[in-house]
Amino acid sequence: MSMRRRARARREGAKAEINMNSLIDLTFILLVVFIVTLPTLEQSIHVLLPVGKTQKAQNDKKKVFSITVDSIGKLFVGDAPVTMENLKGMLSKAVADDPELSVLVRGDVRVGYGDVYEVVKAAKDANVRHLGLVSKEN
């Protein structure tokens, strides 16, 4: 280093700089990760819903009980797998706690009619008053 450069460095003092490029890259990577993972957090069980003309859902503050029947006929309440016997008990207990409980059934389009019908029948046997079948709007 030359004498002139050292003298100038002493007069101006030490310079502290932060390279922002890596921080900006990290921010964009995190943004992309959150955008990609957010839809899977909403519904982690992937079902191909049937397409049809649907009514707009009423936006009320009722408790909703979500049942999913996947493509091979497995049952899920929320994200937890259940058997038909457990489902019947859960529905009966939930209706006893809240008689105005709303039940939504998400059935995969590839599953047989009988599998979804068994879930609807279990809801009827548990005296569910509000039952809905979820579909995609075309």
N, C-alpha and C. Protein backbone atom coordinates (compact mmCIF):
# COMPACT_ATOMS: atom_id res chain seq x y z
N MET A 1 0.83 -1.16 0.00
CA MET A 1 0.00 0.00 0.00
C MET A 1 0.89 1.24 0.00
N SER A 2 0.54 2.20 -0.75
CA SER A 2 1.37 3.40 -0.84
C SER A 2 1.15 4.28 0.37
N MET A 3 2.07 5.22 0.57
CA MET A 3 2.00 6.13 1.72
C MET A 3 0.78 7.03 1.63
N ARG A 4 0.45 7.46 0.45
CA ARG A 4 -0.70 8.35 0.28
C ARG A 4 -1.99 7.65 0.66
N ARG A 5 -2.12 6.39 0.27
CA ARG A 5 -3.33 5.63 0.56
C ARG A 5 -3.46 5.39 2.07
N ARG A 6 -2.33 5.10 2.75
CA ARG A 6 -2.36 4.88 4.20
C ARG A 6 -2.73 6.16 4.93
N ALA A 7 -2.21 7.25 4.50
CA ALA A 7 -2.51 8.54 5.15
C ALA A 7 -3.99 8.87 4.98
N ARG A 8 -4.51 8.65 3.80
CA ARG A 8 -5.93 8.93 3.57
C ARG A 8 -6.81 8.00 4.39
N ALA A 9 -6.41 6.76 4.55
CA ALA A 9 -7.19 5.80 5.34
C ALA A 9 -7.21 6.22 6.80
N ARG A 10 -6.12 6.76 7.31
CA ARG A 10 -6.07 7.21 8.70
C ARG A 10 -6.95 8.43 8.91
N ARG A 11 -7.00 9.33 7.96
CA ARG A 11 -7.83 10.53 8.08
C ARG A 11 -9.31 10.20 8.04
N GLU A 12 -9.72 9.31 7.14
CA GLU A 12 -11.14 9.00 6.96
C GLU A 12 -11.65 8.01 8.00
N GLY A 13 -10.83 7.24 8.61
CA GLY A 13 -11.26 6.25 9.60
C GLY A 13 -11.63 4.95 8.92
N ALA A 14 -12.01 3.99 9.72
CA ALA A 14 -12.36 2.67 9.19
C ALA A 14 -13.75 2.72 8.56
N LYS A 15 -13.91 2.00 7.47
CA LYS A 15 -15.21 1.93 6.79
C LYS A 15 -15.83 0.57 7.06
N ALA A 16 -17.08 0.61 7.52
CA ALA A 16 -17.80 -0.64 7.76
C ALA A 16 -18.86 -0.78 6.67
N GLU A 17 -18.78 -1.85 5.92
CA GLU A 17 -19.75 -2.09 4.86
C GLU A 17 -20.33 -3.49 5.01
N ILE A 18 -21.59 -3.61 4.71
CA ILE A 18 -22.25 -4.90 4.71
C ILE A 18 -22.69 -5.19 3.28
N ASN A 19 -22.31 -6.36 2.82
CA ASN A 19 -22.70 -6.75 1.47
C ASN A 19 -24.17 -7.20 1.51
N MET A 20 -25.04 -6.46 0.87
CA MET A 20 -26.48 -6.73 0.91
C MET A 20 -26.92 -7.79 -0.10
N ASN A 21 -26.08 -8.13 -1.04
CA ASN A 21 -26.47 -9.09 -2.08
C ASN A 21 -26.88 -10.44 -1.49
N SER A 22 -26.10 -10.96 -0.58
CA SER A 22 -26.43 -12.27 -0.01
C SER A 22 -27.69 -12.19 0.85
N LEU A 23 -27.92 -11.07 1.54
CA LEU A 23 -29.15 -10.93 2.33
C LEU A 23 -30.39 -10.84 1.43
N ILE A 24 -30.27 -10.16 0.32
CA ILE A 24 -31.39 -10.06 -0.62
C ILE A 24 -31.67 -11.43 -1.23
N ASP A 25 -30.63 -12.18 -1.59
CA ASP A 25 -30.81 -13.53 -2.12
C ASP A 25 -31.51 -14.42 -1.11
N LEU A 26 -31.12 -14.34 0.14
CA LEU A 26 -31.74 -15.14 1.19
C LEU A 26 -33.22 -14.78 1.36
N THR A 27 -33.54 -13.50 1.28
CA THR A 27 -34.92 -13.06 1.39
C THR A 27 -35.78 -13.63 0.27
N PHE A 28 -35.29 -13.60 -0.94
CA PHE A 28 -36.05 -14.14 -2.06
C PHE A 28 -36.20 -15.65 -1.97
N ILE A 29 -35.19 -16.34 -1.50
CA ILE A 29 -35.28 -17.79 -1.33
C ILE A 29 -36.34 -18.13 -0.29
N LEU A 30 -36.35 -17.43 0.83
CA LEU A 30 -37.37 -17.66 1.85
C LEU A 30 -38.77 -17.36 1.33
N LEU A 31 -38.90 -16.31 0.56
CA LEU A 31 -40.20 -15.95 -0.02
C LEU A 31 -40.70 -17.07 -0.93
N VAL A 32 -39.84 -17.60 -1.78
CA VAL A 32 -40.22 -18.69 -2.68
C VAL A 32 -40.59 -19.94 -1.88
N VAL A 33 -39.84 -20.25 -0.84
CA VAL A 33 -40.14 -21.42 -0.02
C VAL A 33 -41.51 -21.28 0.62
N PHE A 34 -41.83 -20.12 1.16
CA PHE A 34 -43.14 -19.93 1.78
C PHE A 34 -44.27 -19.98 0.77
N ILE A 35 -44.06 -19.44 -0.41
CA ILE A 35 -45.09 -19.49 -1.45
C ILE A 35 -45.36 -20.92 -1.89
N VAL A 36 -44.32 -21.73 -1.98
CA VAL A 36 -44.47 -23.12 -2.41
C VAL A 36 -45.11 -23.98 -1.33
N THR A 37 -44.74 -23.77 -0.07
CA THR A 37 -45.23 -24.65 1.00
C THR A 37 -46.58 -24.23 1.56
N LEU A 38 -47.03 -23.03 1.37
CA LEU A 38 -48.30 -22.57 1.94
C LEU A 38 -49.49 -23.40 1.48
N PRO A 39 -49.64 -23.72 0.19
CA PRO A 39 -50.80 -24.54 -0.19
C PRO A 39 -50.82 -25.92 0.45
N THR A 40 -49.67 -26.52 0.71
CA THR A 40 -49.65 -27.83 1.34
C THR A 40 -49.99 -27.75 2.82
N LEU A 41 -49.77 -26.62 3.45
CA LEU A 41 -50.15 -26.47 4.85
C LEU A 41 -51.66 -26.39 5.00
N GLU A 42 -52.32 -25.86 4.00
CA GLU A 42 -53.78 -25.72 4.07
C GLU A 42 -54.46 -27.08 4.06
N GLN A 43 -54.18 -27.91 3.13
CA GLN A 43 -54.71 -29.27 3.05
C GLN A 43 -53.59 -30.19 2.65
N SER A 44 -53.15 -31.02 3.57
CA SER A 44 -52.00 -31.86 3.27
C SER A 44 -52.39 -33.18 2.59
N ILE A 45 -53.68 -33.53 2.59
CA ILE A 45 -54.13 -34.75 1.92
C ILE A 45 -54.64 -34.34 0.55
N HIS A 46 -53.98 -34.81 -0.47
CA HIS A 46 -54.33 -34.40 -1.82
C HIS A 46 -55.47 -35.27 -2.35
N VAL A 47 -56.57 -34.63 -2.70
CA VAL A 47 -57.68 -35.32 -3.34
C VAL A 47 -58.07 -34.54 -4.58
N LEU A 48 -58.48 -35.26 -5.59
CA LEU A 48 -58.96 -34.65 -6.82
C LEU A 48 -60.46 -34.52 -6.69
N LEU A 49 -60.93 -33.29 -6.42
CA LEU A 49 -62.34 -33.06 -6.16
C LEU A 49 -63.14 -33.08 -7.45
N PRO A 50 -64.39 -33.54 -7.39
CA PRO A 50 -65.23 -33.50 -8.58
C PRO A 50 -65.55 -32.05 -8.95
N VAL A 51 -65.85 -31.83 -10.22
CA VAL A 51 -66.14 -30.49 -10.70
C VAL A 51 -67.65 -30.37 -10.87
N GLY A 52 -68.20 -29.26 -10.43
CA GLY A 52 -69.63 -29.04 -10.58
C GLY A 52 -69.99 -27.63 -10.21
N LYS A 53 -71.21 -27.27 -10.49
CA LYS A 53 -71.70 -25.95 -10.13
C LYS A 53 -72.10 -26.00 -8.66
N THR A 54 -71.58 -25.08 -7.88
CA THR A 54 -71.80 -25.11 -6.45
C THR A 54 -72.39 -23.79 -5.97
N GLN A 55 -73.00 -23.85 -4.81
CA GLN A 55 -73.47 -22.64 -4.16
C GLN A 55 -72.31 -22.04 -3.39
N LYS A 56 -72.37 -20.74 -3.22
CA LYS A 56 -71.35 -20.10 -2.40
C LYS A 56 -71.57 -20.51 -0.94
N ALA A 57 -70.48 -20.83 -0.26
CA ALA A 57 -70.57 -21.23 1.14
C ALA A 57 -70.94 -20.04 1.99
N GLN A 58 -71.79 -20.30 2.97
CA GLN A 58 -72.16 -19.24 3.90
C GLN A 58 -71.02 -19.04 4.87
N ASN A 59 -70.72 -17.80 5.12
CA ASN A 59 -69.60 -17.49 6.00
C ASN A 59 -70.12 -17.23 7.41
N ASP A 60 -70.41 -18.31 8.13
CA ASP A 60 -70.84 -18.16 9.51
C ASP A 60 -69.79 -18.74 10.43
N LYS A 61 -69.96 -18.54 11.69
CA LYS A 61 -68.94 -18.90 12.67
C LYS A 61 -69.17 -20.29 13.26
N LYS A 62 -69.83 -21.19 12.55
CA LYS A 62 -70.08 -22.53 13.05
C LYS A 62 -68.81 -23.37 13.00
N LYS A 63 -68.77 -24.36 13.89
CA LYS A 63 -67.66 -25.30 13.89
C LYS A 63 -67.82 -26.24 12.70
N VAL A 64 -66.74 -26.51 12.00
CA VAL A 64 -66.77 -27.37 10.81
C VAL A 64 -65.96 -28.62 11.08
N PHE A 65 -66.53 -29.76 10.74
CA PHE A 65 -65.90 -31.08 10.90
C PHE A 65 -65.59 -31.56 9.49
N SER A 66 -64.32 -31.65 9.14
CA SER A 66 -63.92 -31.99 7.78
C SER A 66 -63.50 -33.45 7.68
N ILE A 67 -64.14 -34.19 6.78
CA ILE A 67 -63.82 -35.60 6.54
C ILE A 67 -63.34 -35.72 5.10
N THR A 68 -62.22 -36.42 4.91
CA THR A 68 -61.67 -36.61 3.57
C THR A 68 -61.61 -38.09 3.24
N VAL A 69 -62.06 -38.44 2.02
CA VAL A 69 -61.93 -39.80 1.51
C VAL A 69 -60.96 -39.72 0.34
N ASP A 70 -59.77 -40.33 0.48
CA ASP A 70 -58.77 -40.20 -0.59
C ASP A 70 -59.04 -41.20 -1.72
N SER A 71 -58.14 -41.24 -2.68
CA SER A 71 -58.37 -42.01 -3.91
C SER A 71 -58.42 -43.52 -3.68
N ILE A 72 -57.89 -44.00 -2.57
CA ILE A 72 -57.95 -45.44 -2.32
C ILE A 72 -58.95 -45.79 -1.23
N GLY A 73 -59.74 -44.81 -0.80
CA GLY A 73 -60.81 -45.06 0.16
C GLY A 73 -60.44 -44.88 1.62
N LYS A 74 -59.24 -44.37 1.92
CA LYS A 74 -58.86 -44.12 3.31
C LYS A 74 -59.59 -42.89 3.82
N LEU A 75 -59.95 -42.92 5.10
CA LEU A 75 -60.66 -41.81 5.73
C LEU A 75 -59.72 -40.98 6.58
N PHE A 76 -59.93 -39.68 6.56
CA PHE A 76 -59.14 -38.74 7.36
C PHE A 76 -60.08 -37.73 7.98
N VAL A 77 -59.85 -37.40 9.24
CA VAL A 77 -60.53 -36.28 9.89
C VAL A 77 -59.45 -35.25 10.11
N GLY A 78 -59.57 -34.13 9.41
CA GLY A 78 -58.47 -33.17 9.38
C GLY A 78 -57.33 -33.81 8.63
N ASP A 79 -56.20 -34.01 9.29
CA ASP A 79 -55.05 -34.69 8.68
C ASP A 79 -54.82 -36.07 9.27
N ALA A 80 -55.64 -36.46 10.24
CA ALA A 80 -55.42 -37.72 10.95
C ALA A 80 -56.22 -38.86 10.32
N PRO A 81 -55.57 -39.98 10.01
CA PRO A 81 -56.31 -41.12 9.46
C PRO A 81 -57.19 -41.76 10.53
N VAL A 82 -58.40 -42.19 10.14
CA VAL A 82 -59.33 -42.83 11.06
C VAL A 82 -59.98 -44.02 10.36
N THR A 83 -60.56 -44.91 11.17
CA THR A 83 -61.35 -46.01 10.63
C THR A 83 -62.81 -45.59 10.65
N MET A 84 -63.66 -46.36 9.98
CA MET A 84 -65.08 -46.02 9.94
C MET A 84 -65.69 -46.09 11.34
N GLU A 85 -65.28 -47.06 12.14
CA GLU A 85 -65.82 -47.18 13.50
C GLU A 85 -65.43 -45.97 14.35
N ASN A 86 -64.17 -45.55 14.25
CA ASN A 86 -63.72 -44.36 14.98
C ASN A 86 -64.44 -43.11 14.49
N LEU A 87 -64.68 -43.03 13.19
CA LEU A 87 -65.38 -41.88 12.62
C LEU A 87 -66.79 -41.76 13.19
N LYS A 88 -67.49 -42.90 13.29
CA LYS A 88 -68.85 -42.87 13.83
C LYS A 88 -68.85 -42.36 15.26
N GLY A 89 -67.90 -42.83 16.06
CA GLY A 89 -67.80 -42.37 17.45
C GLY A 89 -67.45 -40.90 17.54
N MET A 90 -66.53 -40.45 16.69
CA MET A 90 -66.13 -39.04 16.70
C MET A 90 -67.29 -38.14 16.30
N LEU A 91 -68.05 -38.57 15.28
CA LEU A 91 -69.20 -37.79 14.83
C LEU A 91 -70.25 -37.70 15.93
N SER A 92 -70.56 -38.83 16.58
CA SER A 92 -71.56 -38.83 17.65
C SER A 92 -71.15 -37.90 18.79
N LYS A 93 -69.88 -37.96 19.17
CA LYS A 93 -69.39 -37.10 20.25
C LYS A 93 -69.43 -35.63 19.84
N ALA A 94 -69.03 -35.34 18.61
CA ALA A 94 -69.01 -33.95 18.15
C ALA A 94 -70.42 -33.37 18.05
N VAL A 95 -71.39 -34.18 17.60
CA VAL A 95 -72.78 -33.71 17.51
C VAL A 95 -73.36 -33.53 18.91
N ALA A 96 -72.97 -34.39 19.85
CA ALA A 96 -73.43 -34.23 21.23
C ALA A 96 -72.90 -32.93 21.83
N ASP A 97 -71.67 -32.56 21.49
CA ASP A 97 -71.09 -31.31 21.98
C ASP A 97 -71.69 -30.09 21.30
N ASP A 98 -71.97 -30.19 20.00
CA ASP A 98 -72.51 -29.07 19.23
C ASP A 98 -73.54 -29.59 18.23
N PRO A 99 -74.84 -29.49 18.55
CA PRO A 99 -75.87 -30.01 17.64
C PRO A 99 -75.91 -29.30 16.28
N GLU A 100 -75.37 -28.09 16.19
CA GLU A 100 -75.36 -27.34 14.93
C GLU A 100 -74.06 -27.53 14.16
N LEU A 101 -73.36 -28.62 14.42
CA LEU A 101 -72.09 -28.92 13.77
C LEU A 101 -72.28 -29.06 12.26
N SER A 102 -71.39 -28.48 11.48
CA SER A 102 -71.40 -28.63 10.03
C SER A 102 -70.33 -29.65 9.64
N VAL A 103 -70.70 -30.62 8.82
CA VAL A 103 -69.78 -31.65 8.36
C VAL A 103 -69.55 -31.47 6.87
N LEU A 104 -68.29 -31.40 6.47
CA LEU A 104 -67.92 -31.30 5.06
C LEU A 104 -67.20 -32.57 4.65
N VAL A 105 -67.64 -33.19 3.57
CA VAL A 105 -67.04 -34.42 3.06
C VAL A 105 -66.31 -34.08 1.78
N ARG A 106 -65.01 -34.33 1.76
CA ARG A 106 -64.18 -34.14 0.57
C ARG A 106 -63.86 -35.52 0.02
N GLY A 107 -64.53 -35.91 -1.05
CA GLY A 107 -64.30 -37.21 -1.65
C GLY A 107 -63.55 -37.09 -2.96
N ASP A 108 -62.52 -37.89 -3.12
CA ASP A 108 -61.76 -37.90 -4.36
C ASP A 108 -62.65 -38.41 -5.49
N VAL A 109 -62.50 -37.84 -6.67
CA VAL A 109 -63.32 -38.22 -7.82
C VAL A 109 -63.06 -39.66 -8.25
N ARG A 110 -61.88 -40.19 -7.91
CA ARG A 110 -61.51 -41.54 -8.32
C ARG A 110 -62.01 -42.62 -7.35
N VAL A 111 -62.53 -42.23 -6.20
CA VAL A 111 -63.00 -43.20 -5.21
C VAL A 111 -64.43 -43.63 -5.57
N GLY A 112 -64.79 -44.83 -5.17
CA GLY A 112 -66.12 -45.34 -5.48
C GLY A 112 -67.22 -44.61 -4.73
N TYR A 113 -68.39 -44.62 -5.31
CA TYR A 113 -69.57 -43.97 -4.73
C TYR A 113 -69.88 -44.54 -3.35
N GLY A 114 -69.69 -45.84 -3.19
CA GLY A 114 -70.01 -46.51 -1.93
C GLY A 114 -69.17 -46.01 -0.77
N ASP A 115 -67.92 -45.66 -1.01
CA ASP A 115 -67.05 -45.18 0.07
C ASP A 115 -67.53 -43.83 0.61
N VAL A 116 -67.92 -42.93 -0.29
CA VAL A 116 -68.43 -41.63 0.14
C VAL A 116 -69.81 -41.81 0.78
N TYR A 117 -70.60 -42.72 0.25
CA TYR A 117 -71.93 -42.97 0.79
C TYR A 117 -71.84 -43.47 2.23
N GLU A 118 -70.87 -44.29 2.54
CA GLU A 118 -70.70 -44.80 3.91
C GLU A 118 -70.42 -43.64 4.88
N VAL A 119 -69.65 -42.66 4.44
CA VAL A 119 -69.36 -41.50 5.29
C VAL A 119 -70.64 -40.68 5.49
N VAL A 120 -71.40 -40.48 4.42
CA VAL A 120 -72.65 -39.73 4.53
C VAL A 120 -73.63 -40.47 5.45
N LYS A 121 -73.68 -41.79 5.33
CA LYS A 121 -74.56 -42.60 6.17
C LYS A 121 -74.14 -42.50 7.64
N ALA A 122 -72.84 -42.53 7.90
CA ALA A 122 -72.34 -42.39 9.27
C ALA A 122 -72.73 -41.03 9.84
N ALA A 123 -72.67 -39.99 9.02
CA ALA A 123 -73.06 -38.65 9.48
C ALA A 123 -74.57 -38.61 9.77
N LYS A 124 -75.36 -39.26 8.93
CA LYS A 124 -76.81 -39.30 9.14
C LYS A 124 -77.13 -40.07 10.41
N ASP A 125 -76.45 -41.18 10.65
CA ASP A 125 -76.67 -41.98 11.85
C ASP A 125 -76.28 -41.21 13.12
N ALA A 126 -75.34 -40.29 13.00
CA ALA A 126 -74.92 -39.47 14.14
C ALA A 126 -75.79 -38.23 14.31
N ASN A 127 -76.86 -38.11 13.51
CA ASN A 127 -77.81 -36.98 13.58
C ASN A 127 -77.18 -35.64 13.21
N VAL A 128 -76.30 -35.67 12.22
CA VAL A 128 -75.72 -34.42 11.71
C VAL A 128 -76.78 -33.69 10.91
N ARG A 129 -77.00 -32.42 11.24
CA ARG A 129 -78.04 -31.62 10.57
C ARG A 129 -77.53 -30.90 9.33
N HIS A 130 -76.25 -30.54 9.35
CA HIS A 130 -75.69 -29.76 8.25
C HIS A 130 -74.54 -30.56 7.62
N LEU A 131 -74.79 -31.08 6.42
CA LEU A 131 -73.80 -31.90 5.73
C LEU A 131 -73.57 -31.32 4.34
N GLY A 132 -72.32 -31.23 3.94
CA GLY A 132 -71.99 -30.70 2.62
C GLY A 132 -70.95 -31.56 1.94
N LEU A 133 -71.09 -31.68 0.62
CA LEU A 133 -70.10 -32.39 -0.20
C LEU A 133 -69.29 -31.31 -0.92
N VAL A 134 -67.99 -31.36 -0.77
CA VAL A 134 -67.09 -30.35 -1.33
C VAL A 134 -66.76 -30.72 -2.76
N SER A 135 -66.80 -29.71 -3.65
CA SER A 135 -66.40 -29.92 -5.04
C SER A 135 -65.68 -28.66 -5.53
N LYS A 136 -65.01 -28.80 -6.67
CA LYS A 136 -64.36 -27.64 -7.29
C LYS A 136 -65.36 -26.97 -8.19
N GLU A 137 -65.28 -25.65 -8.27
CA GLU A 137 -66.15 -24.92 -9.17
C GLU A 137 -65.57 -24.98 -10.58
N ASN A 138 -66.45 -25.19 -11.57
CA ASN A 138 -65.93 -25.29 -12.95
C ASN A 138 -65.78 -23.96 -13.59
